[in-house]
């Protein structure tokens, strides 16, 4: 997924797995720059 914001592009990977490791999930949440609560 990509989002263009203020002249820059934010790219967040979307793995094609049924289950993600906690570290992978936390990395995706950090890269998304969205609050963690959005994913809970």
PDB file of N, CA and C in Angstrom:
ATOM      1  N   UNK A   1       0.843  -1.162   0.000  1.00  0.00           N
ATOM      2  CA  UNK A   1       0.000   0.000   0.000  1.00  0.00           C
ATOM      3  C   UNK A   1       0.889   1.225   0.000  1.00  0.00           C
ATOM      4  N   UNK A   2       0.473   2.247  -0.688  1.00  0.00           N
ATOM      5  CA  UNK A   2       1.226   3.493  -0.726  1.00  0.00           C
ATOM      6  C   UNK A   2       0.300   4.674  -0.502  1.00  0.00           C
ATOM      7  N   UNK A   3       0.875   5.711   0.125  1.00  0.00           N
ATOM      8  CA  UNK A   3       0.134   6.944   0.346  1.00  0.00           C
ATOM      9  C   UNK A   3       1.082   8.104   0.074  1.00  0.00           C
ATOM     10  N   UNK A   4       0.649   9.026  -0.781  1.00  0.00           N
ATOM     11  CA  UNK A   4       1.443  10.212  -1.070  1.00  0.00           C
ATOM     12  C   UNK A   4       0.991  11.297  -0.105  1.00  0.00           C
ATOM     13  N   UNK A   5       1.959  11.855   0.635  1.00  0.00           N
ATOM     14  CA  UNK A   5       1.636  12.852   1.638  1.00  0.00           C
ATOM     15  C   UNK A   5       2.736  13.903   1.698  1.00  0.00           C
ATOM     16  N   UNK A   6       2.385  15.141   1.548  1.00  0.00           N
ATOM     17  CA  UNK A   6       3.335  16.257   1.643  1.00  0.00           C
ATOM     18  C   UNK A   6       4.564  16.062   0.756  1.00  0.00           C
ATOM     19  N   UNK A   7       4.357  15.636  -0.463  1.00  0.00           N
ATOM     20  CA  UNK A   7       5.460  15.480  -1.400  1.00  0.00           C
ATOM     21  C   UNK A   7       6.303  14.243  -1.203  1.00  0.00           C
ATOM     22  N   UNK A   8       5.925  13.346  -0.292  1.00  0.00           N
ATOM     23  CA  UNK A   8       6.658  12.092  -0.107  1.00  0.00           C
ATOM     24  C   UNK A   8       5.682  10.922  -0.195  1.00  0.00           C
ATOM     25  N   UNK A   9       6.218   9.750  -0.437  1.00  0.00           N
ATOM     26  CA  UNK A   9       5.395   8.549  -0.545  1.00  0.00           C
ATOM     27  C   UNK A   9       5.700   7.630   0.623  1.00  0.00           C
ATOM     28  N   UNK A  10       4.655   7.193   1.322  1.00  0.00           N
ATOM     29  CA  UNK A  10       4.788   6.239   2.412  1.00  0.00           C
ATOM     30  C   UNK A  10       4.364   4.884   1.864  1.00  0.00           C
ATOM     31  N   UNK A  11       5.263   3.895   1.937  1.00  0.00           N
ATOM     32  CA  UNK A  11       4.975   2.550   1.458  1.00  0.00           C
ATOM     33  C   UNK A  11       4.904   1.613   2.656  1.00  0.00           C
ATOM     34  N   UNK A  12       3.808   0.872   2.762  1.00  0.00           N
ATOM     35  CA  UNK A  12       3.622  -0.096   3.839  1.00  0.00           C
ATOM     36  C   UNK A  12       3.403  -1.460   3.205  1.00  0.00           C
ATOM     37  N   UNK A  13       4.221  -2.467   3.574  1.00  0.00           N
ATOM     38  CA  UNK A  13       4.047  -3.795   3.000  1.00  0.00           C
ATOM     39  C   UNK A  13       2.767  -4.452   3.504  1.00  0.00           C
ATOM     40  N   UNK A  14       2.149  -5.246   2.654  1.00  0.00           N
ATOM     41  CA  UNK A  14       0.967  -6.022   3.035  1.00  0.00           C
ATOM     42  C   UNK A  14       1.280  -7.488   2.743  1.00  0.00           C
ATOM     43  N   UNK A  15       1.749  -8.223   3.766  1.00  0.00           N
ATOM     44  CA  UNK A  15       2.112  -9.624   3.552  1.00  0.00           C
ATOM     45  C   UNK A  15       0.893 -10.466   3.179  1.00  0.00           C
ATOM     46  N   UNK A  16       1.120 -11.491   2.382  1.00  0.00           N
ATOM     47  CA  UNK A  16       0.059 -12.402   1.964  1.00  0.00           C
ATOM     48  C   UNK A  16       0.122 -13.672   2.810  1.00  0.00           C
ATOM     49  N   UNK A  17      -0.057 -13.502   4.120  1.00  0.00           N
ATOM     50  CA  UNK A  17      -0.018 -14.618   5.067  1.00  0.00           C
ATOM     51  C   UNK A  17      -1.285 -14.579   5.910  1.00  0.00           C
ATOM     52  N   UNK A  18      -1.692 -15.732   6.392  1.00  0.00           N
ATOM     53  CA  UNK A  18      -2.839 -15.774   7.291  1.00  0.00           C
ATOM     54  C   UNK A  18      -2.455 -15.260   8.675  1.00  0.00           C
ATOM     55  N   UNK A  19      -1.219 -15.570   9.115  1.00  0.00           N
ATOM     56  CA  UNK A  19      -0.749 -15.126  10.420  1.00  0.00           C
ATOM     57  C   UNK A  19       0.552 -14.353  10.267  1.00  0.00           C
ATOM     58  N   UNK A  20       0.705 -13.300  11.049  1.00  0.00           N
ATOM     59  CA  UNK A  20       1.921 -12.504  11.032  1.00  0.00           C
ATOM     60  C   UNK A  20       2.624 -12.638  12.373  1.00  0.00           C
ATOM     61  N   UNK A  21       3.941 -12.577  12.345  1.00  0.00           N
ATOM     62  CA  UNK A  21       4.690 -12.534  13.592  1.00  0.00           C
ATOM     63  C   UNK A  21       4.460 -11.163  14.204  1.00  0.00           C
ATOM     64  N   UNK A  22       4.530 -11.087  15.533  1.00  0.00           N
ATOM     65  CA  UNK A  22       4.255  -9.842  16.239  1.00  0.00           C
ATOM     66  C   UNK A  22       5.191  -8.727  15.765  1.00  0.00           C
ATOM     67  N   UNK A  23       6.464  -9.033  15.559  1.00  0.00           N
ATOM     68  CA  UNK A  23       7.417  -8.026  15.105  1.00  0.00           C
ATOM     69  C   UNK A  23       7.060  -7.471  13.738  1.00  0.00           C
ATOM     70  N   UNK A  24       6.598  -8.339  12.835  1.00  0.00           N
ATOM     71  CA  UNK A  24       6.192  -7.910  11.496  1.00  0.00           C
ATOM     72  C   UNK A  24       4.985  -6.989  11.586  1.00  0.00           C
ATOM     73  N   UNK A  25       4.021  -7.369  12.393  1.00  0.00           N
ATOM     74  CA  UNK A  25       2.813  -6.557  12.566  1.00  0.00           C
ATOM     75  C   UNK A  25       3.155  -5.192  13.152  1.00  0.00           C
ATOM     76  N   UNK A  26       3.992  -5.159  14.176  1.00  0.00           N
ATOM     77  CA  UNK A  26       4.362  -3.895  14.804  1.00  0.00           C
ATOM     78  C   UNK A  26       5.119  -2.999  13.826  1.00  0.00           C
ATOM     79  N   UNK A  27       5.938  -3.593  12.980  1.00  0.00           N
ATOM     80  CA  UNK A  27       6.672  -2.834  11.971  1.00  0.00           C
ATOM     81  C   UNK A  27       5.710  -2.207  10.963  1.00  0.00           C
ATOM     82  N   UNK A  28       4.720  -2.956  10.532  1.00  0.00           N
ATOM     83  CA  UNK A  28       3.722  -2.443   9.594  1.00  0.00           C
ATOM     84  C   UNK A  28       2.943  -1.290  10.228  1.00  0.00           C
ATOM     85  N   UNK A  29       2.575  -1.443  11.495  1.00  0.00           N
ATOM     86  CA  UNK A  29       1.835  -0.390  12.190  1.00  0.00           C
ATOM     87  C   UNK A  29       2.686   0.875  12.296  1.00  0.00           C
ATOM     88  N   UNK A  30       3.964   0.724  12.654  1.00  0.00           N
ATOM     89  CA  UNK A  30       4.861   1.883  12.736  1.00  0.00           C
ATOM     90  C   UNK A  30       4.998   2.579  11.389  1.00  0.00           C
ATOM     91  N   UNK A  31       5.182   1.800  10.333  1.00  0.00           N
ATOM     92  CA  UNK A  31       5.355   2.367   8.999  1.00  0.00           C
ATOM     93  C   UNK A  31       4.089   3.058   8.504  1.00  0.00           C
ATOM     94  N   UNK A  32       2.941   2.610   8.960  1.00  0.00           N
ATOM     95  CA  UNK A  32       1.678   3.206   8.505  1.00  0.00           C
ATOM     96  C   UNK A  32       1.469   4.606   9.079  1.00  0.00           C
ATOM     97  N   UNK A  33       2.179   4.917  10.157  1.00  0.00           N
ATOM     98  CA  UNK A  33       2.042   6.206  10.852  1.00  0.00           C
ATOM     99  C   UNK A  33       0.622   6.443  11.356  1.00  0.00           C
ATOM    100  N   UNK A  34      -0.107   5.370  11.593  1.00  0.00           N
ATOM    101  CA  UNK A  34      -1.448   5.453  12.166  1.00  0.00           C
ATOM    102  C   UNK A  34      -1.381   5.011  13.630  1.00  0.00           C
ATOM    103  N   UNK A  35      -2.287   5.455  14.468  1.00  0.00           N
ATOM    104  CA  UNK A  35      -2.287   5.012  15.856  1.00  0.00           C
ATOM    105  C   UNK A  35      -2.549   3.508  15.952  1.00  0.00           C
ATOM    106  N   UNK A  36      -1.904   2.871  16.903  1.00  0.00           N
ATOM    107  CA  UNK A  36      -2.045   1.424  17.087  1.00  0.00           C
ATOM    108  C   UNK A  36      -3.524   1.024  17.290  1.00  0.00           C
ATOM    109  N   UNK A  37      -4.287   1.869  17.948  1.00  0.00           N
ATOM    110  CA  UNK A  37      -5.683   1.558  18.240  1.00  0.00           C
ATOM    111  C   UNK A  37      -6.494   1.304  16.962  1.00  0.00           C
ATOM    112  N   UNK A  38      -6.091   1.857  15.833  1.00  0.00           N
ATOM    113  CA  UNK A  38      -6.796   1.645  14.567  1.00  0.00           C
ATOM    114  C   UNK A  38      -6.730   0.163  14.172  1.00  0.00           C
ATOM    115  N   UNK A  39      -5.701  -0.542  14.613  1.00  0.00           N
ATOM    116  CA  UNK A  39      -5.498  -1.931  14.222  1.00  0.00           C
ATOM    117  C   UNK A  39      -6.036  -2.916  15.255  1.00  0.00           C
ATOM    118  N   UNK A  40      -6.514  -2.419  16.382  1.00  0.00           N
ATOM    119  CA  UNK A  40      -6.990  -3.317  17.445  1.00  0.00           C
ATOM    120  C   UNK A  40      -8.453  -3.635  17.283  1.00  0.00           C
TER     121      UNK A  40
END
